[in-house]
Structures are given as structure tokens and as C-alpha cells.
């Protein structure tokens, strides 16, 4: 009977266009399109900021300054020779109006003497309202070349060879040797990132089917006819629960498939190579165990959202109740990603955080399978408790017909 109810609910779910869109269309098409567009425009904005021609002003007396000569030699800088003024208020207005991107106050210094031991101070004025600091970054990149040339010339003037110059400029060189295995390093990075992506997807995939199968049936008036059927309430809840759990896992799988598909399209097979590399680094068994660790969390989330949807009067109220659930998922995930947080028996009793930390340990190759088994069974027990509460909730007429 549970199988029959499951098939019936799943069929109705697939017929519901709104729910189907959230299950398939969002992760497969809309999300990649949104993130791809954001990445494209962000990249284009940064590229335009780094390549557009910057207009700058400098006093005529400093036209032979080495920095000015370097800037003029670049095709990305334009010296505004038609702007002749020493009034800082007027120059500030020119910056605000966009006539110039920055101005330099260099005094009357020409070529800097190589034998002097004094530090030269130049000033740069710019208008950084967008926070990108593009003029400062681009001028600094050219200034570093000049500083390197001047420093080298001064040290050569003192009769120092290249080795002696290097010893003065960088008296201590720290050689970095990371003895951690590649798997442990990658596992530590990806182990915190993967649960942060997959667990919210479990929630997103479960919310809309749960709302439709519970609060939605209340609005459509079909819940009464379902209740009077000769079927136990526990079987009805289990059928709906399995449907919500299927939708939750389907959302995760479809999203992963979407990432692989779009990665293959845009990166010409890079995504496939990345998956192969992950399999070679971590091993298929570790990836499989990591996926298994997500199952009790998906079961718990499915039971939780179904319980809330059963309580809600209608579709709108159910949506309002679901809003705080994102915090319930993200807060433990963020805690698990904090520096210095390691899986131990203390963290093993914290729901969701324990699973996120477990996946990190699995991918690092340092998993304690006794602790993992305890975490998995405790999460499963938590999911079963929530499911039992959902069945109890469903049997109460005061809840069903609020």
C-alpha cells in the first residue's frame, strides 16, 4: 500500500508544473544561467576596469618624471595636457566629473639621482567611490618597475654584485615545504565546501514537494478524500515522505549533473577531468561513503519540512514557515567550516555539523569509522523520530483542519 501511495504522490508531483520547475528547471537551467551571467558580468567589469584608458593630470614641470614617462609610454594611460591648473578644488571637481581618473603631485623632480640616499615622496589623488581602486593598482604596478630599476642602479653604484643585491633586498628567504599529503589538503578544502553546497540543495528539493503534498492538498480539498480512504495514516505519511525524500535527492543529483554538463560545455571537458581527478585523489569508496553520510540528513530534512507543511493552513503559510529553515541548515554548516574545528566526540552530537565534519574527515583519509557509524545512526535516529512525530501530527484533526 505504501508503494501505491508513493507512486500516486510521485505522479501527481510530476504533473505539478510549479513543483517540477523547482525540482528540475531551477538546478538544471536557471541557476547555472544566473551564476554564469553573474560570473560573466563580474569578469567583464573587472577586465574593463583594468584595461580602459585612464586620463591623468600632472604639472608641466614634472613631464620628464620617470613615472610620467612610463605612464605616457603605456597605451592604457593618457596625459591630459589641455588641463592646466594648480587649483586643487578644480582638480577635485575634474575627478568627480570624470574628466581625469587621477592626478599626480610630483614636484619639479626629473630623473632621480642614483647616488642619493634620500627617499622621494610623490602624491597621487584619485576618486575611489566604487571600491575597485583601479587607478591606484595600475599606477602601483608601473611604479614597482621604476623602484626596482632605481634600487638596482643604486646598489650597482655601491659596487655590489647580483648576489649581494639579493641579500640586501631580501635578507631572509623562507622556503615553504608542505608535508601534508595532497589528499589531506584537498580534502580539507573540499570537505567544507561540498556539504555547504549539497545540504542546502537537499532542503530546497524537499520544501516545494512537501508544501504541495500537504498544504497544497488542503487548499485543493483533496486531503479529506484521501483521509477517508481505507488506508492507515502512517502509510499515507510514509508515501508522502518517500516522495519528498526522492525529490530532495533528485534535486541534488540533477544539480550535480547540471554542473557537470555546463562545465563540459564551457570548459571543453574540464569538468569531466575534474571528476576523474577527484576520483583518483580520494578514491571511489571515499566519495561513496561521503554520499551515504548525506542520506540521514536528507531523511531528517524531508521529515521536518513535511511536518511543517502538514501543520500549515495553506500554501502561503507553509512558505512563511519554511523561511527560517535555511538558517537551521546554514548555521551548523558555517560552524563546521570555521578554522580549527575538528571532528571529535563533542562535535559528533551536533546535528548537521557532525555530517559536514565527517565528510571532511572522509575526504582527508582520516575518518574514524566507529565515530562515522555513530554519527550516521544518530542522524538516522533523529530522522526516524521526526518521521514518527510527523505521523502523530498527521493523525490529529486539530492539526489537519486548523
Protein backbone atom coordinates (compact mmCIF):
# COMPACT_ATOMS: atom_id res chain seq x y z
CA UNK A 1 0.00 0.00 0.00
CA UNK A 2 2.86 2.39 0.81
CA UNK A 3 4.33 1.74 -2.65
CA UNK A 4 0.97 2.52 -4.28
CA UNK A 5 0.67 5.78 -2.34
CA UNK A 6 4.26 6.63 -3.19
CA UNK A 7 3.61 6.10 -6.92
CA UNK A 8 0.41 8.12 -6.75
CA UNK A 9 2.07 11.06 -4.95
CA UNK A 10 5.07 10.97 -7.22
CA UNK A 11 2.85 11.01 -10.32
CA UNK A 12 0.87 13.97 -9.00
CA UNK A 13 4.10 15.72 -8.14
CA UNK A 14 5.41 15.30 -11.67
CA UNK A 15 2.17 16.71 -13.04
CA UNK A 16 2.51 19.87 -10.94
CA UNK A 17 4.41 22.30 -13.15
CA UNK A 18 5.38 24.68 -10.34
CA UNK A 19 6.94 21.96 -8.20
CA UNK A 20 8.57 20.33 -11.22
CA UNK A 21 10.19 23.65 -12.11
CA UNK A 22 11.78 23.92 -8.67
CA UNK A 23 12.93 20.31 -8.80
CA UNK A 24 14.39 20.22 -12.32
CA UNK A 25 14.34 23.52 -14.16
CA UNK A 26 15.94 25.63 -11.40
CA UNK A 27 19.03 23.46 -10.78
CA UNK A 28 19.40 22.33 -14.39
CA UNK A 29 18.96 25.60 -16.30
CA UNK A 30 18.06 28.68 -14.27
CA UNK A 31 20.74 28.50 -11.55
CA UNK A 32 23.60 27.83 -13.99
CA UNK A 33 22.32 30.63 -16.23
CA UNK A 34 22.15 33.10 -13.32
CA UNK A 35 25.55 32.18 -11.89
CA UNK A 36 27.09 32.09 -15.36
CA UNK A 37 25.71 35.54 -16.17
CA UNK A 38 26.93 36.94 -12.84
CA UNK A 39 30.39 35.46 -13.39
CA UNK A 40 30.48 36.82 -16.96
CA UNK A 41 29.50 40.36 -16.00
CA UNK A 42 31.80 40.37 -12.96
CA UNK A 43 34.73 39.22 -15.08
CA UNK A 44 33.89 41.72 -17.82
CA UNK A 45 33.58 44.56 -15.28
CA UNK A 46 36.97 43.78 -13.75
CA UNK A 47 38.54 43.38 -17.19
CA UNK A 48 37.12 46.71 -18.37
CA UNK A 49 38.37 48.37 -15.19
CA UNK A 50 41.88 47.02 -15.77
CA UNK A 51 42.09 47.81 -19.50
CA UNK A 52 40.25 51.09 -20.03
CA UNK A 53 42.34 54.18 -20.74
CA UNK A 54 42.93 56.27 -17.62
CA UNK A 55 43.21 60.02 -18.00
CA UNK A 56 45.58 61.70 -15.57
CA UNK A 57 46.95 65.14 -14.84
CA UNK A 58 50.44 66.19 -13.77
CA UNK A 59 52.05 69.59 -13.52
CA UNK A 60 54.07 70.57 -16.60
CA UNK A 61 57.25 70.81 -14.54
CA UNK A 62 57.08 67.04 -13.95
CA UNK A 63 56.57 65.92 -17.57
CA UNK A 64 60.09 64.42 -17.59
CA UNK A 65 59.48 62.47 -14.36
CA UNK A 66 60.26 58.75 -14.86
CA UNK A 67 56.81 57.74 -13.65
CA UNK A 68 55.11 60.14 -16.06
CA UNK A 69 57.29 58.92 -18.92
CA UNK A 70 56.37 55.32 -18.12
CA UNK A 71 52.67 56.16 -17.99
CA UNK A 72 52.82 58.02 -21.31
CA UNK A 73 54.60 55.09 -22.90
CA UNK A 74 51.67 52.84 -21.99
CA UNK A 75 48.65 52.79 -24.27
CA UNK A 76 46.36 52.50 -21.24
CA UNK A 77 47.16 55.96 -19.84
CA UNK A 78 46.51 59.39 -21.32
CA UNK A 79 48.14 62.59 -20.06
CA UNK A 80 45.64 65.48 -20.07
CA UNK A 81 47.82 68.28 -21.41
CA UNK A 82 44.84 70.58 -22.05
CA UNK A 83 44.08 70.80 -18.34
CA UNK A 84 46.36 73.47 -16.91
CA UNK A 85 45.70 74.42 -13.30
CA UNK A 86 47.22 74.24 -9.84
CA UNK A 87 43.93 74.71 -8.00
CA UNK A 88 43.21 71.55 -6.02
CA UNK A 89 39.49 72.36 -5.79
CA UNK A 90 39.30 72.50 -9.58
CA UNK A 91 41.25 69.23 -9.86
CA UNK A 92 38.90 67.59 -7.38
CA UNK A 93 35.92 68.68 -9.48
CA UNK A 94 37.66 67.24 -12.54
CA UNK A 95 37.97 63.91 -10.69
CA UNK A 96 34.33 63.94 -9.63
CA UNK A 97 33.15 64.85 -13.14
CA UNK A 98 35.25 62.10 -14.71
CA UNK A 99 37.49 64.40 -16.74
CA UNK A 100 40.50 62.73 -15.16
CA UNK A 101 40.91 59.48 -13.22
CA UNK A 102 43.79 60.67 -11.04
CA UNK A 103 46.38 63.39 -10.71
CA UNK A 104 49.98 63.21 -9.57
CA UNK A 105 51.81 65.70 -7.39
CA UNK A 106 55.48 65.07 -8.17
CA UNK A 107 57.04 68.47 -7.64
CA UNK A 108 59.64 69.50 -10.22
CA UNK A 109 61.64 66.26 -9.97
CA UNK A 110 63.04 64.91 -13.20
CA UNK A 111 65.33 61.91 -13.27
CA UNK A 112 66.03 60.74 -9.72
CA UNK A 113 69.69 60.80 -8.81
CA UNK A 114 71.08 57.31 -8.47
CA UNK A 115 73.68 58.29 -5.87
CA UNK A 116 71.26 59.88 -3.40
CA UNK A 117 70.28 58.02 -0.24
CA UNK A 118 67.15 60.07 0.40
CA UNK A 119 63.60 58.86 -0.05
CA UNK A 120 61.44 60.71 -2.55
CA UNK A 121 57.77 61.34 -1.75
CA UNK A 122 55.19 61.59 -4.53
CA UNK A 123 51.44 62.04 -4.10
CA UNK A 124 48.58 60.55 -6.07
CA UNK A 125 44.97 61.76 -5.83
CA UNK A 126 42.06 59.69 -7.11
CA UNK A 127 38.32 59.29 -6.56
CA UNK A 128 37.60 55.77 -5.33
CA UNK A 129 33.82 55.62 -4.95
CA UNK A 130 33.34 52.13 -6.43
CA UNK A 131 35.90 50.44 -4.19
CA UNK A 132 37.84 48.89 -7.08
CA UNK A 133 40.93 51.13 -6.68
CA UNK A 134 41.77 50.54 -10.35
CA UNK A 135 43.90 53.72 -10.84
CA UNK A 136 45.95 53.03 -7.70
CA UNK A 137 46.56 49.38 -8.58
CA UNK A 138 47.57 50.12 -12.15
CA UNK A 139 49.88 53.02 -11.26
CA UNK A 140 51.47 50.97 -8.48
CA UNK A 141 52.28 48.18 -10.94
CA UNK A 142 54.27 50.64 -13.07
CA UNK A 143 55.80 52.34 -10.03
CA UNK A 144 57.17 48.99 -8.83
CA UNK A 145 59.14 48.66 -12.07
CA UNK A 146 60.65 52.12 -11.56
CA UNK A 147 61.51 51.38 -7.93
CA UNK A 148 63.20 48.14 -8.95
CA UNK A 149 65.27 49.93 -11.60
CA UNK A 150 66.31 52.72 -9.20
CA UNK A 151 67.16 50.26 -6.42
CA UNK A 152 69.25 48.12 -8.76
CA UNK A 153 71.10 51.17 -10.09
CA UNK A 154 71.86 52.47 -6.60
CA UNK A 155 73.15 49.10 -5.40
CA UNK A 156 75.30 48.72 -8.51
CA UNK A 157 76.68 52.20 -7.79
CA UNK A 158 77.84 50.88 -4.45
CA UNK A 159 79.78 48.14 -6.23
CA UNK A 160 77.50 45.25 -5.20
CA UNK A 161 77.03 42.25 -7.47
CA UNK A 162 73.71 40.49 -8.09
CA UNK A 163 74.07 38.07 -5.17
CA UNK A 164 74.91 40.86 -2.74
CA UNK A 165 71.98 42.91 -4.03
CA UNK A 166 69.62 39.97 -3.49
CA UNK A 167 70.96 39.52 0.05
CA UNK A 168 70.23 43.17 0.86
CA UNK A 169 66.80 43.33 -0.78
CA UNK A 170 65.67 40.01 0.71
CA UNK A 171 67.94 39.08 3.62
CA UNK A 172 65.82 36.05 4.58
CA UNK A 173 64.18 33.60 2.18
CA UNK A 174 61.65 31.22 3.70
CA UNK A 175 61.33 28.00 1.73
CA UNK A 176 57.87 26.53 2.09
CA UNK A 177 57.55 22.76 2.38
CA UNK A 178 54.04 21.46 2.97
CA UNK A 179 54.42 17.87 4.19
CA UNK A 180 50.67 17.24 4.21
CA UNK A 181 49.61 14.75 1.52
CA UNK A 182 47.72 16.13 -1.46
CA UNK A 183 44.60 14.21 -0.48
CA UNK A 184 44.56 15.68 3.01
CA UNK A 185 45.00 19.22 1.70
CA UNK A 186 42.31 18.87 -0.96
CA UNK A 187 40.03 17.01 1.43
CA UNK A 188 40.26 19.82 3.97
CA UNK A 189 39.28 22.37 1.32
CA UNK A 190 36.57 20.42 -0.47
CA UNK A 191 35.29 18.73 2.66
CA UNK A 192 33.91 22.01 3.96
CA UNK A 193 32.70 23.20 0.57
CA UNK A 194 30.79 20.11 -0.62
CA UNK A 195 28.35 19.89 2.34
CA UNK A 196 27.81 23.65 2.10
CA UNK A 197 26.51 23.10 -1.43
CA UNK A 198 24.72 19.75 -1.18
CA UNK A 199 22.86 20.05 2.14
CA UNK A 200 21.00 23.27 1.22
CA UNK A 201 20.09 21.56 -2.06
CA UNK A 202 18.52 18.74 -0.05
CA UNK A 203 16.42 21.36 1.73
CA UNK A 204 15.48 23.18 -1.45
CA UNK A 205 14.49 19.94 -3.19
CA UNK A 206 12.29 18.89 -0.26
CA UNK A 207 10.48 22.14 0.53
CA UNK A 208 8.25 22.58 -2.51
CA UNK A 209 7.13 18.94 -2.88
CA UNK A 210 6.33 18.84 0.85
CA UNK A 211 4.27 22.01 0.62
CA UNK A 212 2.39 20.71 -2.39
CA UNK A 213 1.70 17.27 -0.91
CA UNK A 214 0.40 18.63 2.41
CA UNK A 215 -0.63 22.30 2.46
CA UNK A 216 -1.37 22.16 -1.27
CA UNK A 217 -3.82 19.29 -0.80
CA UNK A 218 -5.54 21.26 1.96
CA UNK A 219 -6.13 24.13 -0.46
CA UNK A 220 -7.32 21.84 -3.26
CA UNK A 221 -9.67 19.99 -0.90
CA UNK A 222 -8.27 16.59 -1.80
CA UNK A 223 -6.85 15.81 1.65
CA UNK A 224 -10.30 14.89 3.08
CA UNK A 225 -10.97 12.29 0.39
CA UNK A 226 -7.51 10.83 0.98
CA UNK A 227 -8.06 10.55 4.73
CA UNK A 228 -11.39 8.70 4.45
CA UNK A 229 -9.81 6.09 2.19
CA UNK A 230 -9.18 2.70 3.90
CA UNK A 231 -5.50 3.44 4.37
CA UNK A 232 -3.66 3.88 7.65
CA UNK A 233 -2.42 7.37 8.42
CA UNK A 234 1.11 6.04 8.86
CA UNK A 235 1.05 4.62 5.32
CA UNK A 236 -0.18 7.93 3.90
CA UNK A 237 2.60 9.81 5.65
CA UNK A 238 5.24 7.28 4.61
CA UNK A 239 4.12 7.53 0.97
CA UNK A 240 4.33 11.31 1.06
CA UNK A 241 7.60 11.18 2.97
CA UNK A 242 9.26 8.91 0.42
CA UNK A 243 8.08 11.23 -2.36
CA UNK A 244 9.60 14.27 -0.63
CA UNK A 245 12.84 12.37 0.02
CA UNK A 246 13.01 11.29 -3.64
CA UNK A 247 12.53 14.89 -4.76
CA UNK A 248 15.23 16.04 -2.33
CA UNK A 249 17.82 13.58 -3.60
CA UNK A 250 16.75 14.19 -7.21
CA UNK A 251 17.45 17.90 -6.75
CA UNK A 252 20.99 17.13 -5.58
CA UNK A 253 21.64 14.68 -8.42
CA UNK A 254 20.18 17.00 -11.07
CA UNK A 255 22.29 19.90 -9.80
CA UNK A 256 25.46 17.81 -9.90
CA UNK A 257 24.55 16.65 -13.39
CA UNK A 258 23.92 20.25 -14.39
CA UNK A 259 27.29 21.39 -13.10
CA UNK A 260 28.99 18.56 -14.96
CA UNK A 261 27.05 19.29 -18.16
CA UNK A 262 27.63 23.05 -18.18
CA UNK A 263 31.21 22.59 -17.11
CA UNK A 264 31.72 20.25 -20.05
CA UNK A 265 30.08 22.73 -22.42
CA UNK A 266 32.03 25.79 -21.30
CA UNK A 267 35.31 24.18 -20.30
CA UNK A 268 35.56 21.59 -23.09
CA UNK A 269 35.71 18.58 -20.86
CA UNK A 270 37.40 20.24 -17.90
CA UNK A 271 34.53 19.22 -15.60
CA UNK A 272 34.88 15.57 -16.59
CA UNK A 273 38.62 15.74 -15.98
CA UNK A 274 37.97 17.31 -12.58
CA UNK A 275 35.60 14.47 -11.65
CA UNK A 276 38.17 11.90 -12.78
CA UNK A 277 40.87 13.68 -10.76
CA UNK A 278 38.64 13.71 -7.69
CA UNK A 279 38.03 10.00 -8.09
CA UNK A 280 41.76 9.33 -8.41
CA UNK A 281 42.69 11.54 -5.45
CA UNK A 282 40.03 10.50 -2.96
CA UNK A 283 39.01 7.10 -4.26
CA UNK A 284 35.56 5.97 -5.32
CA UNK A 285 34.93 4.39 -1.91
CA UNK A 286 35.52 7.66 -0.06
CA UNK A 287 33.21 9.57 -2.40
CA UNK A 288 30.57 6.86 -1.99
CA UNK A 289 30.83 6.94 1.82
CA UNK A 290 30.56 10.74 1.73
CA UNK A 291 27.35 10.44 -0.29
CA UNK A 292 25.99 7.85 2.15
CA UNK A 293 26.60 10.26 5.04
CA UNK A 294 24.18 12.71 3.41
CA UNK A 295 21.28 10.23 3.37
CA UNK A 296 20.17 10.53 7.04
CA UNK A 297 20.33 14.33 6.81
CA UNK A 298 18.13 14.26 3.70
CA UNK A 299 15.74 11.91 5.54
CA UNK A 300 15.61 14.27 8.52
CA UNK A 301 15.07 17.35 6.35
CA UNK A 302 12.33 15.60 4.38
CA UNK A 303 10.50 14.59 7.55
CA UNK A 304 10.92 18.08 9.03
CA UNK A 305 9.53 20.00 6.05
CA UNK A 306 6.66 17.52 5.68
CA UNK A 307 5.76 18.02 9.35
CA UNK A 308 5.72 21.79 8.90
CA UNK A 309 3.69 21.51 5.70
CA UNK A 310 1.13 19.27 7.43
CA UNK A 311 0.68 21.89 10.14
CA UNK A 312 0.31 24.86 7.75
CA UNK A 313 -3.19 26.02 6.84
CA UNK A 314 -2.38 26.77 3.22
CA UNK A 315 0.40 27.10 0.66
CA UNK A 316 1.30 30.67 1.64
CA UNK A 317 1.54 29.91 5.36
CA UNK A 318 3.71 26.88 4.62
CA UNK A 319 6.11 29.06 2.62
CA UNK A 320 6.34 31.50 5.53
CA UNK A 321 7.13 28.66 7.92
CA UNK A 322 9.84 27.31 5.63
CA UNK A 323 11.81 30.57 5.50
CA UNK A 324 13.69 30.10 8.84
CA UNK A 325 14.79 26.58 7.82
CA UNK A 326 17.64 27.99 5.73
CA UNK A 327 19.22 29.30 8.93
CA UNK A 328 18.70 25.91 10.56
CA UNK A 329 20.81 24.36 7.79
CA UNK A 330 23.40 27.09 7.20
CA UNK A 331 24.29 27.86 10.82
CA UNK A 332 25.67 24.36 11.60
CA UNK A 333 27.41 24.27 8.22
CA UNK A 334 29.15 27.59 8.85
CA UNK A 335 30.19 26.36 12.31
CA UNK A 336 31.75 23.27 10.72
CA UNK A 337 33.72 25.45 8.27
CA UNK A 338 35.30 27.63 10.96
CA UNK A 339 39.10 27.36 11.24
CA UNK A 340 40.31 24.95 13.89
CA UNK A 341 37.06 23.00 14.10
CA UNK A 342 37.82 19.27 14.01
CA UNK A 343 35.56 16.26 14.32
CA UNK A 344 35.56 14.80 17.83
CA UNK A 345 33.02 13.17 20.11
CA UNK A 346 31.83 16.59 21.19
CA UNK A 347 31.04 17.73 17.66
CA UNK A 348 29.69 14.26 16.83
CA UNK A 349 26.48 15.04 18.73
CA UNK A 350 25.80 18.32 16.89
CA UNK A 351 23.32 17.63 14.07
CA UNK A 352 24.34 18.60 10.52
CA UNK A 353 27.71 19.92 11.73
CA UNK A 354 28.75 16.36 12.51
CA UNK A 355 27.91 15.21 8.98
CA UNK A 356 29.78 18.13 7.39
CA UNK A 357 32.85 17.42 9.55
CA UNK A 358 32.53 13.70 8.79
CA UNK A 359 32.67 14.32 5.04
CA UNK A 360 35.77 16.45 5.54
CA UNK A 361 37.47 13.67 7.51
CA UNK A 362 36.47 11.06 4.92
CA UNK A 363 37.94 13.07 2.06
CA UNK A 364 41.10 13.73 4.07
CA UNK A 365 41.50 9.99 4.57
CA UNK A 366 41.47 10.32 8.35
CA UNK A 367 37.98 9.00 9.11
CA UNK A 368 37.25 7.10 12.31
CA UNK A 369 34.63 4.68 11.06
CA UNK A 370 33.38 3.94 14.58
CA UNK A 371 32.61 7.64 15.00
CA UNK A 372 31.15 7.83 11.49
CA UNK A 373 28.84 4.89 12.22
CA UNK A 374 27.72 6.53 15.45
CA UNK A 375 27.03 9.82 13.64
CA UNK A 376 25.16 8.09 10.82
CA UNK A 377 22.98 6.06 13.19
CA UNK A 378 22.29 9.07 15.43
CA UNK A 379 21.23 11.16 12.42
CA UNK A 380 19.07 8.28 11.21
CA UNK A 381 17.51 8.01 14.66
CA UNK A 382 16.82 11.75 14.61
CA UNK A 383 15.17 11.40 11.20
CA UNK A 384 13.01 8.48 12.42
CA UNK A 385 11.94 10.49 15.47
CA UNK A 386 10.93 13.38 13.24
CA UNK A 387 9.04 10.98 10.96
CA UNK A 388 7.19 9.47 13.95
CA UNK A 389 6.27 12.97 15.08
CA UNK A 390 5.01 13.74 11.57
CA UNK A 391 2.78 10.65 11.67
CA UNK A 392 1.46 11.68 15.10
CA UNK A 393 0.90 15.21 13.77
CA UNK A 394 -0.97 13.86 10.75
CA UNK A 395 -3.36 11.83 12.93
CA UNK A 396 -4.58 14.90 14.83
CA UNK A 397 -7.64 16.53 13.31
CA UNK A 398 -6.85 19.75 15.18
CA UNK A 399 -3.68 20.00 13.09
CA UNK A 400 -5.07 18.84 9.74
CA UNK A 401 -8.11 21.12 9.83
CA UNK A 402 -6.82 24.25 11.52
